[in-house]
Structures are given as structure tokens and as C-alpha cells.
C-alpha atoms as a PDB file:
ATOM      1  CA  MET A   1     -20.386  16.488  -9.461  1.00  0.00           C
ATOM      2  CA  ASN A   2     -18.871  19.958  -9.423  1.00  0.00           C
ATOM      3  CA  GLU A   3     -20.213  21.720 -12.525  1.00  0.00           C
ATOM      4  CA  SER A   4     -17.174  23.997 -12.781  1.00  0.00           C
ATOM      5  CA  ASP A   5     -14.703  21.130 -13.304  1.00  0.00           C
ATOM      6  CA  GLY A   6     -16.996  18.443 -14.741  1.00  0.00           C
ATOM      7  CA  TYR A   7     -15.770  15.661 -12.466  1.00  0.00           C
ATOM      8  CA  SER A   8     -17.261  13.738  -9.587  1.00  0.00           C
ATOM      9  CA  ILE A   9     -14.551  12.774  -7.089  1.00  0.00           C
ATOM     10  CA  THR A  10     -14.889  10.400  -4.149  1.00  0.00           C
ATOM     11  CA  VAL A  11     -12.270   9.998  -1.441  1.00  0.00           C
ATOM     12  CA  GLY A  12     -12.003   6.347  -0.389  1.00  0.00           C
ATOM     13  CA  ILE A  13     -10.558   5.550   3.039  1.00  0.00           C
ATOM     14  CA  PRO A  14     -10.182   2.128   4.702  1.00  0.00           C
ATOM     15  CA  THR A  15     -10.081   2.407   8.489  1.00  0.00           C
ATOM     16  CA  ARG A  16      -9.179   0.057  11.299  1.00  0.00           C
ATOM     17  CA  ASN A  17      -8.732   1.512  14.773  1.00  0.00           C
ATOM     18  CA  ASN A  18      -7.803   4.981  13.508  1.00  0.00           C
ATOM     19  CA  SER A  19      -9.533   6.923  16.290  1.00  0.00           C
ATOM     20  CA  ASP A  20      -6.397   9.029  16.810  1.00  0.00           C
ATOM     21  CA  THR A  21      -6.283  10.342  13.221  1.00  0.00           C
ATOM     22  CA  ILE A  22      -9.686   9.958  11.545  1.00  0.00           C
ATOM     23  CA  GLU A  23     -11.210  13.253  12.726  1.00  0.00           C
ATOM     24  CA  HIS A  24      -8.148  15.172  11.548  1.00  0.00           C
ATOM     25  CA  THR A  25      -8.397  13.455   8.148  1.00  0.00           C
ATOM     26  CA  LEU A  26     -12.122  14.198   7.742  1.00  0.00           C
ATOM     27  CA  ARG A  27     -11.767  17.840   8.798  1.00  0.00           C
ATOM     28  CA  MET A  28      -8.888  18.284   6.361  1.00  0.00           C
ATOM     29  CA  LEU A  29     -11.007  16.852   3.513  1.00  0.00           C
ATOM     30  CA  VAL A  30     -14.234  18.786   4.108  1.00  0.00           C
ATOM     31  CA  ASN A  31     -12.230  22.045   4.346  1.00  0.00           C
ATOM     32  CA  GLN A  32     -10.597  21.589   0.945  1.00  0.00           C
ATOM     33  CA  THR A  33     -10.838  24.469  -1.540  1.00  0.00           C
ATOM     34  CA  ARG A  34     -12.715  22.004  -3.718  1.00  0.00           C
ATOM     35  CA  PRO A  35     -14.459  19.592  -1.303  1.00  0.00           C
ATOM     36  CA  PRO A  36     -14.985  15.979  -2.359  1.00  0.00           C
ATOM     37  CA  ASP A  37     -18.397  15.006  -3.673  1.00  0.00           C
ATOM     38  CA  ARG A  38     -18.342  12.068  -1.306  1.00  0.00           C
ATOM     39  CA  ILE A  39     -16.148  10.513   1.376  1.00  0.00           C
ATOM     40  CA  LEU A  40     -16.495   6.722   1.347  1.00  0.00           C
ATOM     41  CA  ILE A  41     -15.165   4.819   4.361  1.00  0.00           C
ATOM     42  CA  VAL A  42     -14.998   1.062   4.900  1.00  0.00           C
ATOM     43  CA  ASP A  43     -14.283   0.268   8.534  1.00  0.00           C
ATOM     44  CA  ALA A  44     -13.096  -2.784  10.467  1.00  0.00           C
ATOM     45  CA  SER A  45     -12.481  -1.085  13.817  1.00  0.00           C
ATOM     46  CA  SER A  46     -12.915  -2.276  17.364  1.00  0.00           C
ATOM     47  CA  ASP A  47     -12.284   1.186  18.843  1.00  0.00           C
ATOM     48  CA  GLU A  48     -14.182   4.502  18.642  1.00  0.00           C
ATOM     49  CA  THR A  49     -13.450   5.159  14.969  1.00  0.00           C
ATOM     50  CA  PRO A  50     -17.040   4.511  13.700  1.00  0.00           C
ATOM     51  CA  ARG A  51     -18.558   6.741  16.398  1.00  0.00           C
ATOM     52  CA  ILE A  52     -16.153   9.581  15.571  1.00  0.00           C
ATOM     53  CA  ILE A  53     -17.052   9.270  11.881  1.00  0.00           C
ATOM     54  CA  ARG A  54     -20.813   9.316  12.557  1.00  0.00           C
ATOM     55  CA  GLU A  55     -20.619  12.337  14.844  1.00  0.00           C
ATOM     56  CA  PHE A  56     -18.421  14.254  12.420  1.00  0.00           C
ATOM     57  CA  ALA A  57     -20.710  13.445   9.470  1.00  0.00           C
ATOM     58  CA  GLU A  58     -23.686  14.974  11.289  1.00  0.00           C
ATOM     59  CA  GLY A  59     -21.980  18.379  11.347  1.00  0.00           C
ATOM     60  CA  THR A  60     -20.983  18.717   7.688  1.00  0.00           C
ATOM     61  CA  THR A  61     -22.719  19.084   4.342  1.00  0.00           C
ATOM     62  CA  VAL A  62     -20.215  16.799   2.579  1.00  0.00           C
ATOM     63  CA  SER A  63     -21.596  13.301   2.072  1.00  0.00           C
ATOM     64  CA  ILE A  64     -19.737  10.906   4.388  1.00  0.00           C
ATOM     65  CA  ASP A  65     -20.709   7.239   4.180  1.00  0.00           C
ATOM     66  CA  CYS A  66     -19.218   4.637   6.496  1.00  0.00           C
ATOM     67  CA  TYR A  67     -19.780   0.926   5.940  1.00  0.00           C
ATOM     68  CA  GLU A  68     -18.680  -2.061   7.968  1.00  0.00           C
ATOM     69  CA  GLN A  69     -16.090  -4.097   6.109  1.00  0.00           C
ATOM     70  CA  SER A  70     -17.447  -7.252   4.483  1.00  0.00           C
ATOM     71  CA  SER A  71     -16.282 -10.728   5.463  1.00  0.00           C
ATOM     72  CA  ARG A  72     -15.043 -11.479   1.927  1.00  0.00           C
ATOM     73  CA  GLY A  73     -11.259 -11.427   1.637  1.00  0.00           C
ATOM     74  CA  ARG A  74      -8.460 -10.487   4.057  1.00  0.00           C
ATOM     75  CA  GLY A  75      -7.524  -7.202   5.667  1.00  0.00           C
ATOM     76  CA  VAL A  76      -7.088  -3.929   3.827  1.00  0.00           C
ATOM     77  CA  GLY A  77      -7.240  -5.547   0.381  1.00  0.00           C
ATOM     78  CA  ALA A  78     -10.816  -6.563   1.153  1.00  0.00           C
ATOM     79  CA  ALA A  79     -11.591  -3.053   2.450  1.00  0.00           C
ATOM     80  CA  ARG A  80     -10.242  -1.448  -0.737  1.00  0.00           C
ATOM     81  CA  GLN A  81     -12.364  -3.770  -2.855  1.00  0.00           C
ATOM     82  CA  ASP A  82     -15.445  -2.899  -0.763  1.00  0.00           C
ATOM     83  CA  ILE A  83     -14.718   0.770  -1.523  1.00  0.00           C
ATOM     84  CA  TYR A  84     -14.393   0.045  -5.242  1.00  0.00           C
ATOM     85  CA  GLU A  85     -17.706  -1.806  -5.345  1.00  0.00           C
ATOM     86  CA  ARG A  86     -19.503   1.114  -3.627  1.00  0.00           C
ATOM     87  CA  PHE A  87     -17.763   3.835  -5.670  1.00  0.00           C
ATOM     88  CA  THR A  88     -19.848   5.480  -8.404  1.00  0.00           C
ATOM     89  CA  GLY A  89     -17.935   8.659  -9.380  1.00  0.00           C
ATOM     90  CA  ASP A  90     -15.461   9.616 -12.118  1.00  0.00           C
ATOM     91  CA  LEU A  91     -12.365   9.761  -9.906  1.00  0.00           C
ATOM     92  CA  LEU A  92     -11.443   7.860  -6.768  1.00  0.00           C
ATOM     93  CA  ALA A  93      -8.949   9.661  -4.544  1.00  0.00           C
ATOM     94  CA  CYS A  94      -7.090   7.339  -2.164  1.00  0.00           C
ATOM     95  CA  LEU A  95      -5.738   8.801   1.053  1.00  0.00           C
ATOM     96  CA  ASP A  96      -4.531   7.054   4.195  1.00  0.00           C
ATOM     97  CA  THR A  97      -5.422   8.500   7.565  1.00  0.00           C
ATOM     98  CA  ASN A  98      -1.755   9.095   8.422  1.00  0.00           C
ATOM     99  CA  ARG A  99      -1.365  11.617   5.578  1.00  0.00           C
ATOM    100  CA  HIS A 100      -1.827  15.392   5.836  1.00  0.00           C
ATOM    101  CA  VAL A 101      -2.167  17.163   2.471  1.00  0.00           C
ATOM    102  CA  ALA A 102      -2.550  20.769   1.321  1.00  0.00           C
ATOM    103  CA  ASP A 103      -5.991  22.397   1.355  1.00  0.00           C
ATOM    104  CA  ASN A 104      -6.071  22.438  -2.471  1.00  0.00           C
ATOM    105  CA  TRP A 105      -5.159  18.736  -2.808  1.00  0.00           C
ATOM    106  CA  ILE A 106      -8.487  17.682  -4.355  1.00  0.00           C
ATOM    107  CA  GLU A 107      -8.639  20.759  -6.566  1.00  0.00           C
ATOM    108  CA  ARG A 108      -5.206  19.950  -7.976  1.00  0.00           C
ATOM    109  CA  GLN A 109      -6.064  16.267  -8.499  1.00  0.00           C
ATOM    110  CA  VAL A 110      -9.168  17.163 -10.497  1.00  0.00           C
ATOM    111  CA  ALA A 111      -7.387  19.905 -12.459  1.00  0.00           C
ATOM    112  CA  PHE A 112      -4.641  17.489 -13.501  1.00  0.00           C
ATOM    113  CA  HIS A 113      -7.057  14.862 -14.810  1.00  0.00           C
ATOM    114  CA  ARG A 114      -9.064  17.503 -16.663  1.00  0.00           C
ATOM    115  CA  ALA A 115      -5.924  18.875 -18.331  1.00  0.00           C
ATOM    116  CA  ASN A 116      -4.283  15.475 -18.929  1.00  0.00           C
ATOM    117  CA  PRO A 117      -7.003  12.986 -19.884  1.00  0.00           C
ATOM    118  CA  GLU A 118      -4.429  10.514 -21.222  1.00  0.00           C
ATOM    119  CA  TYR A 119      -3.306   9.635 -17.671  1.00  0.00           C
ATOM    120  CA  ASP A 120      -5.232   7.187 -15.496  1.00  0.00           C
ATOM    121  CA  VAL A 121      -3.356   7.698 -12.225  1.00  0.00           C
ATOM    122  CA  LEU A 122      -1.889  10.733 -10.457  1.00  0.00           C
ATOM    123  CA  SER A 123       0.265   9.930  -7.431  1.00  0.00           C
ATOM    124  CA  ALA A 124       2.258  11.831  -4.859  1.00  0.00           C
ATOM    125  CA  THR A 125       5.944  11.055  -4.380  1.00  0.00           C
ATOM    126  CA  TYR A 126       8.392  11.889  -1.597  1.00  0.00           C
ATOM    127  CA  LEU A 127      11.195  12.384  -4.158  1.00  0.00           C
ATOM    128  CA  SER A 128      11.937  16.091  -4.410  1.00  0.00           C
ATOM    129  CA  SER A 129      11.279  18.047  -7.629  1.00  0.00           C
ATOM    130  CA  TRP A 130       9.572  15.071  -9.294  1.00  0.00           C
ATOM    131  CA  ASP A 131       6.955  16.008 -11.890  1.00  0.00           C
ATOM    132  CA  GLN A 132       6.796  13.449 -14.678  1.00  0.00           C
ATOM    133  CA  GLN A 133       5.331  10.271 -16.118  1.00  0.00           C
ATOM    134  CA  VAL A 134       6.048   6.997 -14.301  1.00  0.00           C
ATOM    135  CA  ASP A 135       6.727   4.095 -16.643  1.00  0.00           C
ATOM    136  CA  SER A 136       7.638   1.249 -14.302  1.00  0.00           C
ATOM    137  CA  PRO A 137       5.575  -0.184 -11.417  1.00  0.00           C
ATOM    138  CA  LYS A 138       8.817  -1.033  -9.629  1.00  0.00           C
ATOM    139  CA  SER A 139       9.317   2.636  -8.730  1.00  0.00           C
ATOM    140  CA  GLY A 140       6.459   2.569  -6.225  1.00  0.00           C
ATOM    141  CA  PHE A 141       4.993   5.783  -7.637  1.00  0.00           C
ATOM    142  CA  PHE A 142       3.122   4.187 -10.498  1.00  0.00           C
ATOM    143  CA  PHE A 143       0.239   3.889  -8.031  1.00  0.00           C
ATOM    144  CA  GLN A 144       1.087   5.487  -4.676  1.00  0.00           C
ATOM    145  CA  GLN A 145      -2.082   4.261  -3.023  1.00  0.00           C
ATOM    146  CA  ALA A 146      -1.679   6.203   0.231  1.00  0.00           C
ATOM    147  CA  ASN A 147      -1.959   9.460  -1.736  1.00  0.00           C
ATOM    148  CA  CYS A 148      -3.285   9.356  -5.291  1.00  0.00           C
ATOM    149  CA  SER A 149      -6.290   9.573  -7.609  1.00  0.00           C
ATOM    150  CA  ILE A 150      -7.396   7.086 -10.249  1.00  0.00           C
ATOM    151  CA  LYS A 151     -10.030   7.074 -12.970  1.00  0.00           C
ATOM    152  CA  ARG A 152     -13.063   4.828 -12.737  1.00  0.00           C
ATOM    153  CA  GLU A 153     -12.387   3.221 -16.115  1.00  0.00           C
ATOM    154  CA  ALA A 154      -8.855   2.221 -15.059  1.00  0.00           C
ATOM    155  CA  LEU A 155     -10.247   0.550 -11.946  1.00  0.00           C
ATOM    156  CA  ASP A 156     -12.868  -1.244 -14.014  1.00  0.00           C
ATOM    157  CA  ARG A 157     -10.223  -2.633 -16.398  1.00  0.00           C
ATOM    158  CA  VAL A 158      -8.493  -4.422 -13.513  1.00  0.00           C
ATOM    159  CA  GLU A 159     -11.726  -5.205 -11.627  1.00  0.00           C
ATOM    160  CA  GLY A 160     -10.604  -3.273  -8.579  1.00  0.00           C
ATOM    161  CA  TRP A 161      -8.361  -4.567  -5.813  1.00  0.00           C
ATOM    162  CA  ASP A 162      -7.499  -8.126  -4.899  1.00  0.00           C
ATOM    163  CA  PRO A 163      -9.437  -8.786  -1.662  1.00  0.00           C
ATOM    164  CA  TRP A 164      -7.176 -11.706  -0.710  1.00  0.00           C
ATOM    165  CA  LEU A 165      -4.086  -9.588  -0.091  1.00  0.00           C
ATOM    166  CA  PRO A 166      -4.281  -8.345   3.526  1.00  0.00           C
ATOM    167  CA  ARG A 167      -1.574  -5.799   2.712  1.00  0.00           C
ATOM    168  CA  GLY A 168       0.646  -5.242  -0.304  1.00  0.00           C
ATOM    169  CA  GLU A 169      -2.544  -4.870  -2.319  1.00  0.00           C
ATOM    170  CA  ASP A 170      -1.139  -1.612  -3.696  1.00  0.00           C
ATOM    171  CA  TRP A 171       1.904  -3.406  -5.131  1.00  0.00           C
ATOM    172  CA  ASP A 172      -0.374  -5.988  -6.733  1.00  0.00           C
ATOM    173  CA  MET A 173      -2.565  -3.184  -8.090  1.00  0.00           C
ATOM    174  CA  GLN A 174       0.474  -1.453  -9.615  1.00  0.00           C
ATOM    175  CA  ILE A 175       1.396  -4.618 -11.496  1.00  0.00           C
ATOM    176  CA  ARG A 176      -2.106  -5.192 -12.865  1.00  0.00           C
ATOM    177  CA  LEU A 177      -2.640  -1.538 -13.798  1.00  0.00           C
ATOM    178  CA  TRP A 178       0.691  -1.544 -15.627  1.00  0.00           C
ATOM    179  CA  LEU A 179      -0.162  -4.759 -17.467  1.00  0.00           C
ATOM    180  CA  SER A 180      -3.564  -3.340 -18.430  1.00  0.00           C
ATOM    181  CA  GLY A 181      -1.863  -0.430 -20.199  1.00  0.00           C
ATOM    182  CA  ALA A 182      -2.693   2.256 -17.634  1.00  0.00           C
ATOM    183  CA  LYS A 183      -0.642   5.476 -17.759  1.00  0.00           C
ATOM    184  CA  ALA A 184       0.621   7.055 -14.552  1.00  0.00           C
ATOM    185  CA  TYR A 185       2.050  10.403 -13.475  1.00  0.00           C
ATOM    186  CA  ALA A 186       3.579  11.526 -10.168  1.00  0.00           C
ATOM    187  CA  LYS A 187       4.212  14.889  -8.509  1.00  0.00           C
ATOM    188  CA  SER A 188       6.296  15.603  -5.417  1.00  0.00           C
ATOM    189  CA  SER A 189       4.230  18.735  -4.737  1.00  0.00           C
ATOM    190  CA  LEU A 190       1.250  16.540  -3.764  1.00  0.00           C
ATOM    191  CA  HIS A 191       3.171  14.651  -1.085  1.00  0.00           C
ATOM    192  CA  GLY A 192       2.204  16.587   2.041  1.00  0.00           C
ATOM    193  CA  ASP A 193       3.203  15.469   5.537  1.00  0.00           C
ATOM    194  CA  GLU A 194       3.037  12.095   7.202  1.00  0.00           C
ATOM    195  CA  ILE A 195       1.401  11.900  10.619  1.00  0.00           C
ATOM    196  CA  ALA A 196       3.772   9.950  12.848  1.00  0.00           C
ATOM    197  CA  GLU A 197       2.520   6.561  13.994  1.00  0.00           C
ATOM    198  CA  THR A 198       3.665   4.650  17.051  1.00  0.00           C
ATOM    199  CA  GLU A 199       6.132   1.812  16.548  1.00  0.00           C
ATOM    200  CA  GLU A 200       3.458  -0.536  17.901  1.00  0.00           C
ATOM    201  CA  SER A 201       1.058   0.553  15.166  1.00  0.00           C
ATOM    202  CA  THR A 202       3.763   0.139  12.516  1.00  0.00           C
ATOM    203  CA  LEU A 203       4.603  -3.377  13.710  1.00  0.00           C
ATOM    204  CA  ASN A 204       0.938  -4.352  13.827  1.00  0.00           C
ATOM    205  CA  LYS A 205       0.603  -3.307  10.190  1.00  0.00           C
ATOM    206  CA  ALA A 206       3.739  -5.250   9.317  1.00  0.00           C
ATOM    207  CA  LEU A 207       2.278  -8.358  10.965  1.00  0.00           C
ATOM    208  CA  GLY A 208      -0.656  -8.153   8.552  1.00  0.00           C
ATOM    209  CA  ARG A 209       1.517  -7.605   5.494  1.00  0.00           C
ATOM    210  CA  PRO A 210       1.941 -10.533   3.096  1.00  0.00           C
ATOM    211  CA  SER A 211       5.429 -11.610   2.171  1.00  0.00           C
ATOM    212  CA  SER A 212       6.591 -12.369  -1.337  1.00  0.00           C
ATOM    213  CA  VAL A 213       5.164 -15.854  -0.794  1.00  0.00           C
ATOM    214  CA  ALA A 214       1.668 -14.447  -1.365  1.00  0.00           C
ATOM    215  CA  PHE A 215       2.738 -12.885  -4.676  1.00  0.00           C
ATOM    216  CA  LEU A 216       4.565 -16.044  -5.750  1.00  0.00           C
ATOM    217  CA  ARG A 217       1.420 -18.037  -5.026  1.00  0.00           C
ATOM    218  CA  LYS A 218      -0.577 -15.662  -7.194  1.00  0.00           C
ATOM    219  CA  TYR A 219       1.833 -14.916 -10.071  1.00  0.00           C
ATOM    220  CA  GLY A 220       4.094 -17.964 -10.006  1.00  0.00           C
ATOM    221  CA  TRP A 221       7.854 -17.726 -10.570  1.00  0.00           C
ATOM    222  CA  TRP A 222       7.289 -14.826 -12.981  1.00  0.00           C
ATOM    223  CA  TYR A 223       7.145 -12.631  -9.898  1.00  0.00           C
ATOM    224  CA  ALA A 224      10.608 -13.738  -8.718  1.00  0.00           C
ATOM    225  CA  ARG A 225      12.037 -12.704 -12.093  1.00  0.00           C
ATOM    226  CA  PHE A 226      10.011  -9.486 -12.158  1.00  0.00           C
ATOM    227  CA  HIS A 227      11.045  -8.265  -8.680  1.00  0.00           C
ATOM    228  CA  PRO A 228      13.813 -10.529  -7.302  1.00  0.00           C
ATOM    229  CA  GLU A 229      14.661  -8.191  -4.387  1.00  0.00           C
ATOM    230  CA  HIS A 230      11.362  -9.016  -2.674  1.00  0.00           C
ATOM    231  CA  PRO A 231      11.672 -12.832  -2.447  1.00  0.00           C
ATOM    232  CA  THR A 232      15.424 -12.550  -1.796  1.00  0.00           C
ATOM    233  CA  GLY A 233      14.848 -10.214   1.149  1.00  0.00           C
ATOM    234  CA  ASP A 234      12.059 -12.371   2.544  1.00  0.00           C
ATOM    235  CA  ALA A 235      14.202 -15.506   2.212  1.00  0.00           C
ATOM    236  CA  ALA A 236      16.898 -13.746   4.266  1.00  0.00           C
ATOM    237  CA  SER A 237      14.285 -12.843   6.871  1.00  0.00           C
ATOM    238  CA  VAL A 238      13.007 -16.431   7.080  1.00  0.00           C
ATOM    239  CA  PHE A 239      16.552 -17.762   7.397  1.00  0.00           C
ATOM    240  CA  SER A 240      17.273 -15.247  10.172  1.00  0.00           C
ATOM    241  CA  VAL A 241      14.173 -16.198  12.143  1.00  0.00           C
ATOM    242  CA  LEU A 242      14.997 -19.909  11.913  1.00  0.00           C
ATOM    243  CA  ALA A 243      18.697 -19.332  12.654  1.00  0.00           C
ATOM    244  CA  LEU A 244      17.878 -17.167  15.664  1.00  0.00           C
ATOM    245  CA  LEU A 245      15.609 -19.879  17.047  1.00  0.00           C
ATOM    246  CA  ALA A 246      18.323 -22.489  16.480  1.00  0.00           C
ATOM    247  CA  THR A 247      21.192 -20.431  17.950  1.00  0.00           C
ATOM    248  CA  PRO A 248      20.739 -21.468  21.639  1.00  0.00           C
ATOM    249  CA  LEU A 249      20.703 -25.151  20.685  1.00  0.00           C
ATOM    250  CA  LEU A 250      23.728 -24.733  18.422  1.00  0.00           C
ATOM    251  CA  LEU A 251      25.666 -22.874  21.108  1.00  0.00           C
ATOM    252  CA  LEU A 252      25.132 -25.810  23.448  1.00  0.00           C
ATOM    253  CA  SER A 253      25.879 -28.552  20.914  1.00  0.00           C
ATOM    254  CA  VAL A 254      28.205 -27.020  18.311  1.00  0.00           C
ATOM    255  CA  PRO A 255      29.393 -23.642  19.692  1.00  0.00           C
ATOM    256  CA  VAL A 256      31.228 -22.627  16.502  1.00  0.00           C
ATOM    257  CA  LEU A 257      28.080 -23.074  14.393  1.00  0.00           C
ATOM    258  CA  GLY A 258      26.058 -21.213  17.014  1.00  0.00           C
ATOM    259  CA  VAL A 259      28.374 -18.203  16.877  1.00  0.00           C
ATOM    260  CA  LEU A 260      28.417 -18.246  13.056  1.00  0.00           C
ATOM    261  CA  SER A 261      24.617 -18.473  13.013  1.00  0.00           C
ATOM    262  CA  LEU A 262      24.285 -15.487  15.329  1.00  0.00           C
ATOM    263  CA  LEU A 263      26.820 -13.404  13.387  1.00  0.00           C
ATOM    264  CA  THR A 264      25.004 -14.187  10.135  1.00  0.00           C
ATOM    265  CA  VAL A 265      21.685 -13.077  11.613  1.00  0.00           C
ATOM    266  CA  VAL A 266      23.238  -9.820  12.817  1.00  0.00           C
ATOM    267  CA  ALA A 267      24.842  -9.178   9.411  1.00  0.00           C
ATOM    268  CA  LEU A 268      21.594  -9.798   7.493  1.00  0.00           C
ATOM    269  CA  THR A 269      19.670  -7.578   9.902  1.00  0.00           C
ATOM    270  CA  VAL A 270      22.138  -4.707   9.468  1.00  0.00           C
ATOM    271  CA  VAL A 271      21.940  -5.028   5.667  1.00  0.00           C
ATOM    272  CA  PHE A 272      18.136  -4.867   5.865  1.00  0.00           C
ATOM    273  CA  ILE A 273      18.249  -1.770   8.104  1.00  0.00           C
ATOM    274  CA  TYR A 274      20.781  -0.132   5.793  1.00  0.00           C
ATOM    275  CA  MET A 275      18.705  -0.763   2.662  1.00  0.00           C
ATOM    276  CA  LYS A 276      15.515   0.490   4.298  1.00  0.00           C
ATOM    277  CA  ALA A 277      17.218   3.556   5.775  1.00  0.00           C
ATOM    278  CA  ILE A 278      18.775   4.829   2.543  1.00  0.00           C
ATOM    279  CA  ARG A 279      15.526   4.322   0.655  1.00  0.00           C
ATOM    280  CA  TYR A 280      14.162   7.570   2.097  1.00  0.00           C
ATOM    281  CA  ARG A 281      17.282   9.720   1.876  1.00  0.00           C
ATOM    282  CA  SER A 282      20.169  10.221  -0.488  1.00  0.00           C
ATOM    283  CA  THR A 283      22.975   9.766   2.074  1.00  0.00           C
ATOM    284  CA  PHE A 284      24.491   6.329   2.623  1.00  0.00           C
ATOM    285  CA  GLU A 285      25.253   6.647   6.312  1.00  0.00           C
ATOM    286  CA  LEU A 286      23.554   4.491   8.924  1.00  0.00           C
ATOM    287  CA  ARG A 287      22.152   6.350  11.923  1.00  0.00           C
ATOM    288  CA  ALA A 288      21.451   5.062  15.406  1.00  0.00           C
ATOM    289  CA  ARG A 289      17.701   5.635  15.145  1.00  0.00           C
ATOM    290  CA  ASP A 290      17.576   3.475  11.996  1.00  0.00           C
ATOM    291  CA  PHE A 291      18.033   0.387  14.164  1.00  0.00           C
ATOM    292  CA  ARG A 292      14.411   0.703  15.237  1.00  0.00           C
ATOM    293  CA  LEU A 293      13.734  -1.038  11.906  1.00  0.00           C
ATOM    294  CA  ALA A 294      15.242  -4.297  13.209  1.00  0.00           C
ATOM    295  CA  PRO A 295      11.961  -5.784  14.540  1.00  0.00           C
ATOM    296  CA  ARG A 296      10.409  -5.390  11.092  1.00  0.00           C
ATOM    297  CA  PHE A 297      13.086  -7.612   9.587  1.00  0.00           C
ATOM    298  CA  PHE A 298      12.035 -10.521  11.786  1.00  0.00           C
ATOM    299  CA  VAL A 299       8.355  -9.745  11.263  1.00  0.00           C
ATOM    300  CA  LEU A 300       8.942 -10.236   7.517  1.00  0.00           C
ATOM    301  CA  GLY A 301      10.345 -13.670   8.244  1.00  0.00           C
ATOM    302  CA  TYR A 302       7.329 -14.544  10.362  1.00  0.00           C
ATOM    303  CA  THR A 303       4.841 -13.376   7.715  1.00  0.00           C
ATOM    304  CA  ALA A 304       6.675 -15.348   5.021  1.00  0.00           C
ATOM    305  CA  LEU A 305       6.460 -18.530   7.088  1.00  0.00           C
ATOM    306  CA  ARG A 306       2.790 -17.808   7.790  1.00  0.00           C
ATOM    307  CA  GLU A 307       2.009 -17.382   4.077  1.00  0.00           C
ATOM    308  CA  PHE A 308       3.201 -20.927   3.345  1.00  0.00           C
ATOM    309  CA  ARG A 309       0.045 -22.279   4.935  1.00  0.00           C
ATOM    310  CA  SER A 310      -2.541 -23.709   2.612  1.00  0.00           C
ATOM    311  CA  GLY A 311      -5.337 -21.533   1.282  1.00  0.00           C
ATOM    312  CA  ASP A 312      -7.447 -21.526  -1.841  1.00  0.00           C
ATOM    313  CA  PHE A 313      -7.764 -17.835  -2.666  1.00  0.00           C
ATOM    314  CA  SER A 314      -9.830 -16.496  -5.562  1.00  0.00           C
ATOM    315  CA  TRP A 315      -7.100 -14.145  -6.768  1.00  0.00           C
ATOM    316  CA  ASN A 316      -8.072 -11.125  -8.863  1.00  0.00           C
ATOM    317  CA  TYR A 317      -6.263 -11.424 -12.212  1.00  0.00           C
ATOM    318  CA  GLY A 318      -8.119  -8.458 -13.716  1.00  0.00           C
ATOM    319  CA  GLY A 319      -6.103  -6.503 -16.261  1.00  0.00           C
ATOM    320  CA  MET A 320      -3.676  -9.337 -16.972  1.00  0.00           C
ATOM    321  CA  ASN A 321      -5.517 -10.729 -19.985  1.00  0.00           C
ATOM    322  CA  ASP A 322      -6.973  -7.602 -21.541  1.00  0.00           C
ATOM    323  CA  GLY A 323      -3.866  -5.445 -21.889  1.00  0.00           C
ATOM    324  CA  ASP A 324      -0.792  -5.837 -24.051  1.00  0.00           C
ATOM    325  CA  GLU A 325       2.223  -7.618 -22.611  1.00  0.00           C
ATOM    326  CA  ARG A 326       4.568  -4.871 -21.522  1.00  0.00           C
ATOM    327  CA  ASP A 327       8.358  -5.136 -21.699  1.00  0.00           C
ATOM    328  CA  GLY A 328       8.118  -8.886 -22.060  1.00  0.00           C
ATOM    329  CA  ALA A 329       6.001  -9.233 -18.933  1.00  0.00           C
ATOM    330  CA  SER A 330       4.060 -12.490 -18.870  1.00  0.00           C
ATOM    331  CA  PRO A 331       2.741 -13.427 -15.418  1.00  0.00           C
ATOM    332  CA  GLY A 332       2.144 -17.123 -14.864  1.00  0.00           C
ATOM    333  CA  PRO A 333      -1.410 -17.755 -13.669  1.00  0.00           C
ATOM    334  CA  GLN A 334      -4.241 -16.716 -15.938  1.00  0.00           C
ATOM    335  CA  ARG A 335      -7.963 -17.137 -15.623  1.00  0.00           C
END
């Protein structure tokens, strides 16, 4: 713990084949104006990531611990929960390896929590000139997991992450933190820069992402009422995948239906690209480079179909019983 600010802060990082970015991330963290008390890494790599971490750790005075990811759970949700169970400080700072932040990032995180003890979470946001409380988890900045800090007691109230969500665990965490009564704040000045990833890397992550089916299995139909855009979009993706597969057969047997099927798939794909593209900018025009998003639309359909398979997951419902119901929220499953 740094005696001058009275807080112990750990940076938690899940890694999986991040050999191209992990050294940059570690160097950026140890050179902070207020270095972290500990860097805690949970790794599931098959590349050189663990070796790079070990070699870097030998040359710095900052404590860097790297653990192999446990076999409990699925994907990054399990890695986040491993981090939570090994975390012992006051604040946990979450930072993905594709984020570059200012050299006073940790100092500013700690200073905020010291000056504003009523808030449990401080997140970065890409929205310009944003510096205010976040009241709804639907905004995405209630808990911007790729770049945020969170108090230990808030994590304890929700029992950490859900290890059975291979991705989308941040969205699930937002819901449970909100239901537990956690208070969140976001600042655009903490955003920093995003290190560009290859399209292959982006698609691989999308392949591991759960669809709304996973959330419906956990929360029941409450989730469809809470965030209808998610299941609606995934249903469109599933329909498009099935229609695309059926198009050749329809063209041979019933050409009119085949053409209509193909046109429908194209229309739904364009709508998806349009909605995704305008999410990150204020203009409503569609640009040629936005069409690179098309493969992700069909990946969503694939992941939704995959999530229909049977599986008895021990979902983490932490925070859903202890807090007050907020804005009429009443998720279905309870322990």
C-alpha cells in the first residue's frame, strides 16, 4: 500500500496469446507516476506470453504474479474470477492488453476513490467530455471492464465474476453490480488509446462470445424485457445464418423464395453494420470500411446456435438477492 494515498491497488489482467501487446502493457504500468502495488495476471496462452511476462518481471521492482488459468468455468469469465479470488488489495484496476493509458492513470484512479468514497466503480468512456455518475448498466459505462477500477467490497457483494460466461462477463457484472446497489462514475479523460488488433484476433474473440441465449438461460425472460435489443439482434443473426445456408437449395427449388431469402439476409446484415458503425461516432453515414463488420454478424448467429446446447452451469447470482430491486428490476432465477 502506498502510504501517501492510503490505498492498495492491484491491476488485474487476463491474457490469452497476447505476446504482441503484453510487454507494452507491463512497461506502461510499471512506469506509472504511481505504480501499482501488484500486477496480477491469469494466463491461458499457448504462445510466448508467459515467457515474456516472466522475463519482464525479473527486471522490475513492481510485484508481477502470473498464474495459469484454472479449469473451472469457461474463457475470460473464468480468468476474471481467478483474478478476483487471488486479489487481496483495496482497489482492483481492470485493464485489457489492447489499451494504452496515460502515465498518471493509476494515480488518477486512486485519487478519485479517495476523494469520492461513495462510488464503487470508476470507468473510462469513449464519449467526449463525459464526467458524471452513471445510473444505468445499459450505457456500457457502468462498469467498463477494459479500463476501470472497482472497490474490493463491491466485488465481494457480487461474489466476483461469473466463471461460466466465456465472454460478455462484463455485461453480466454490470447487471449484478447495479442490482447490488453499487454506484458508478465515468470519465472520458481516462479513455486513452486502443491498440489496433487484427481482424483475425477480433473474430476469434467474437467466436468465444456468448449470445443472448447465455443470458436468457441465466436470467430467464427478464433479460429479454431488460435489454430487448440483444436477443432481437441475435435472433436476426441466427435467421440470417440459417437463411444463407438454405439459399442455394431454395434457388434450385423455389427461385423466388431463394432470392427473397438472400435479399433479407443482405438487408439484416446492412442494418447490423449500420447500428454498429454509428455506435462509435455521432454521424449517421455508412462508410465503406464499416462493411468489415459483416463477418461478426454471422459469428453472432453461430454463437447463438452454439449456446442452445445443453449445459448445467453453476451461474453466479451474487448481488441479486442482497441489494434492493432497482427500477422494478426483478431477474428470474434466484439461488
